[in-house]
Protein backbone atom coordinates (compact mmCIF):
# COMPACT_ATOMS: atom_id res chain seq x y z
CA MET A 1 95.53 51.43 134.60
CA SER A 2 99.06 51.37 133.27
CA HIS A 3 101.37 54.33 133.48
CA GLU A 4 103.50 54.82 130.39
CA GLU A 5 106.31 57.34 130.59
CA VAL A 6 106.64 59.62 127.59
CA GLU A 7 110.05 61.13 126.95
CA VAL A 8 109.87 64.73 125.83
CA ARG A 9 112.68 65.36 123.40
CA ARG A 10 114.17 68.79 123.05
CA THR A 11 115.20 70.57 119.88
CA ILE A 12 118.40 72.59 120.16
CA LEU A 13 119.04 75.14 117.40
CA ALA A 14 122.27 77.04 116.78
CA LEU A 15 123.45 79.57 114.23
CA TYR A 16 126.82 79.52 112.45
CA ASP A 17 128.52 81.64 109.84
CA ASP A 18 128.18 79.13 106.99
CA VAL A 19 127.24 75.63 105.88
CA LEU A 20 130.79 74.31 106.33
CA ALA A 21 130.71 75.21 110.02
CA VAL A 22 127.30 73.57 110.41
CA GLN A 23 128.60 70.42 108.69
CA ARG A 24 131.47 70.24 111.21
CA VAL A 25 129.00 70.57 114.08
CA ALA A 26 126.74 67.86 112.62
CA ALA A 27 129.71 65.49 112.35
CA ALA A 28 130.79 66.29 115.93
CA LEU A 29 127.28 65.66 117.28
CA GLU A 30 127.04 62.37 115.40
CA ARG A 31 130.47 61.28 116.73
CA ASP A 32 129.20 62.17 120.21
CA GLY A 33 126.31 59.71 119.85
CA TYR A 34 123.45 61.88 118.60
CA ASP A 35 121.26 60.12 116.05
CA PRO A 36 122.03 61.43 112.52
CA ALA A 37 118.31 61.13 111.76
CA GLY A 38 117.68 63.79 114.42
CA VAL A 39 120.12 66.35 112.96
CA SER A 40 118.75 69.06 110.66
CA ILE A 41 120.54 71.73 108.66
CA LEU A 42 119.04 74.80 107.01
CA ALA A 43 120.95 77.37 104.95
CA PRO A 44 120.29 79.89 102.21
CA ASP A 45 121.15 78.33 98.85
CA PRO A 46 120.44 80.82 96.05
CA ARG A 47 122.80 79.03 93.61
CA GLY A 48 121.71 75.48 94.40
CA ARG A 49 125.22 74.50 95.55
CA TYR A 50 124.04 72.26 98.40
CA THR A 51 121.01 70.63 96.79
CA ARG A 52 122.93 68.68 94.19
CA PRO A 53 122.58 64.87 94.37
CA ASN A 54 125.83 64.55 96.34
CA GLY A 55 125.64 67.46 98.77
CA PRO A 56 128.40 68.37 101.21
CA ASN A 57 129.71 65.34 103.12
CA GLY A 58 127.16 63.10 101.40
CA ARG A 59 124.25 64.61 103.35
CA ALA A 60 121.01 64.63 101.39
CA PHE A 61 119.78 68.21 101.05
CA ALA A 62 116.39 69.14 99.63
CA GLN A 63 115.64 72.50 98.06
CA LEU A 64 112.74 74.58 99.22
CA ALA A 65 111.71 78.20 99.09
CA ILE A 66 111.31 80.23 102.27
CA ASN A 67 109.11 83.30 102.13
CA GLY A 68 111.31 86.38 102.38
CA LEU A 69 114.54 84.35 102.03
CA GLY A 70 114.30 82.54 98.72
CA ALA A 71 115.96 79.25 97.84
CA ALA A 72 117.28 77.27 100.78
CA ALA A 73 118.89 73.89 101.35
CA VAL A 74 117.47 71.74 104.14
CA ALA A 75 118.41 68.31 105.49
CA GLY A 76 116.96 66.19 108.27
CA PRO A 77 113.63 66.30 110.13
CA LEU A 78 113.34 70.06 109.64
CA THR A 79 112.52 69.26 105.99
CA GLY A 80 109.12 67.89 107.04
CA ALA A 81 108.43 70.74 109.46
CA LEU A 82 109.02 73.20 106.60
CA GLY A 83 106.66 71.42 104.22
CA GLY A 84 108.98 69.00 102.43
CA PRO A 85 111.19 69.23 99.32
CA GLY A 86 110.07 71.82 96.78
CA ALA A 87 107.69 73.51 99.21
CA THR A 88 107.36 77.19 99.87
CA SER A 89 107.55 77.72 103.60
CA ASP A 90 107.06 80.37 106.24
CA LEU A 91 110.02 79.72 108.56
CA ILE A 92 108.74 81.90 111.38
CA GLU A 93 105.39 80.12 111.50
CA SER A 94 107.06 76.69 111.23
CA LEU A 95 109.33 77.43 114.19
CA ARG A 96 106.38 78.75 116.19
CA GLN A 97 104.50 75.50 115.54
CA VAL A 98 107.31 73.45 117.08
CA GLY A 99 107.37 75.65 120.18
CA PHE A 100 109.57 78.70 119.59
CA ALA A 101 108.36 82.13 120.67
CA GLU A 102 107.83 84.55 117.78
CA PRO A 103 110.78 86.85 118.66
CA ASP A 104 113.12 83.84 118.69
CA ALA A 105 111.73 82.54 115.39
CA ARG A 106 112.20 86.00 113.83
CA HIS A 107 115.80 86.07 115.09
CA TYR A 108 116.57 82.80 113.27
CA PHE A 109 114.83 83.99 110.10
CA GLU A 110 116.76 87.29 110.05
CA SER A 111 120.04 85.46 110.67
CA LEU A 112 119.37 83.14 107.72
CA ARG A 113 118.44 86.14 105.60
CA ARG A 114 121.89 87.55 106.39
CA GLY A 115 123.58 84.38 105.13
CA ARG A 116 124.04 82.39 108.33
CA ALA A 117 123.31 78.66 108.57
CA LEU A 118 121.23 76.85 111.18
CA ILE A 119 121.59 73.40 112.74
CA ALA A 120 119.00 71.65 114.89
CA VAL A 121 119.42 68.44 116.86
CA ALA A 122 116.79 66.41 118.71
CA ALA A 123 117.99 65.27 122.12
CA PRO A 124 116.53 63.71 125.27
CA PRO A 125 116.51 66.12 128.23
CA ASP A 126 119.58 64.53 129.81
CA ARG A 127 121.67 65.22 126.67
CA VAL A 128 120.65 68.85 126.05
CA GLU A 129 123.52 70.41 128.03
CA ASN A 130 126.05 68.26 126.17
CA ALA A 131 124.66 69.28 122.75
CA VAL A 132 124.71 72.96 123.77
CA GLU A 133 128.33 72.56 124.95
CA VAL A 134 129.39 70.99 121.64
CA MET A 135 127.65 73.77 119.69
CA ARG A 136 129.24 76.53 121.76
CA ARG A 137 132.69 74.95 121.60
CA LEU A 138 132.44 74.91 117.81
CA GLY A 139 131.57 78.61 117.55
CA ALA A 140 127.78 78.93 117.74
CA ARG A 141 126.51 82.50 117.30
CA ALA A 142 123.26 81.74 119.19
CA VAL A 143 121.85 78.63 120.88
CA ASP A 144 118.18 78.04 121.68
CA ASP A 145 116.12 75.03 122.70
CA THR A 146 112.48 74.05 122.98
CA ALA A 147 110.41 70.95 123.71
CA PHE A 148 108.67 69.01 120.94
CA ASP A 149 105.51 69.08 123.04
CA GLY A 150 104.73 72.62 121.82
CA GLY A 151 105.96 74.29 125.02
CA GLY A 152 107.34 77.77 124.89
CA SER A 153 110.87 78.69 124.14
CA VAL A 154 113.23 77.86 126.98
CA ALA A 155 116.29 80.03 126.47
CA VAL A 156 117.94 82.22 123.94
CA GLU A 157 121.56 83.16 124.32
CA ASP A 158 123.23 85.50 121.91
CA LEU A 159 126.93 84.85 121.88
CA PRO A 160 129.54 87.46 120.99
CA ASP A 161 130.30 88.10 117.34
CA ASP A 162 133.93 87.12 117.89
CA PRO A 163 134.64 83.38 117.75
CA PRO A 164 136.12 81.82 120.90
CA GLU A 165 139.88 82.40 121.11
CA ASP A 166 140.67 78.71 120.78
CA GLN A 167 138.60 78.34 117.59
CA PRO A 168 139.80 79.13 114.07
CA GLU A 169 138.22 81.97 112.15
CA PRO A 170 135.34 80.91 109.84
CA LEU A 171 136.40 79.83 106.36
CA SER A 172 134.25 82.45 104.72
CA GLU A 173 132.27 85.44 105.89
CA PRO A 174 128.76 86.02 104.60
CA VAL A 175 128.59 88.92 102.19
CA GLU A 176 126.35 91.67 103.44
CA PRO A 177 124.85 93.97 100.81
CA ARG A 178 126.49 97.39 100.96
CA ALA A 179 124.76 100.66 100.41
CA ALA A 180 125.82 102.61 97.37
CA LEU A 181 128.14 105.45 98.26
CA PRO A 182 127.67 108.85 96.63
CA PRO A 183 130.38 109.74 94.10
CA ARG A 184 133.23 111.77 95.55
CA GLU A 185 133.52 115.32 94.36
CA ARG A 186 136.84 116.25 92.81
CA GLU A 187 138.76 119.04 94.39
CA ASN A 188 140.14 121.68 92.08
CA VAL A 189 143.68 122.51 93.05
CA VAL A 190 144.95 125.86 91.77
């Protein structure tokens, strides 16, 4: 009877303010030796800006619809997990199927709904800490990881809303919808 060792790869997800920040992280991870085929990006894309034939930095983005979010751009292995190009997907259920606990999956969904972008990288267990370090150094809002074997969520860490002091401010802030303010009453001065 032969014993074959199976390497359980981990998926590390992180949230950033926008697609440009996620693109910088993807490039940094690839420079650090992570396989580009294991890097995924997901971001809201209501105007189709990222799903054009030549997306940002030449990365091939597919368009899909996410229930409750609308049009989104996705690149990498996450495309298949979400049903493929043109699909309508349930992000929470898709993340649960790859091992995330429901509260963590809902956190990522709500963050995307608010305009944030997500990056995921597949890594062997001995490279997880390095990937997390790279993501944090480049301003991750939250970092989470899980095993591909369907195990439960390992850790969720919400980072402060302020970027690290040694990091530049994000290039653009997501626009949050604002509630309508009641009209001000005019004061009559006599």
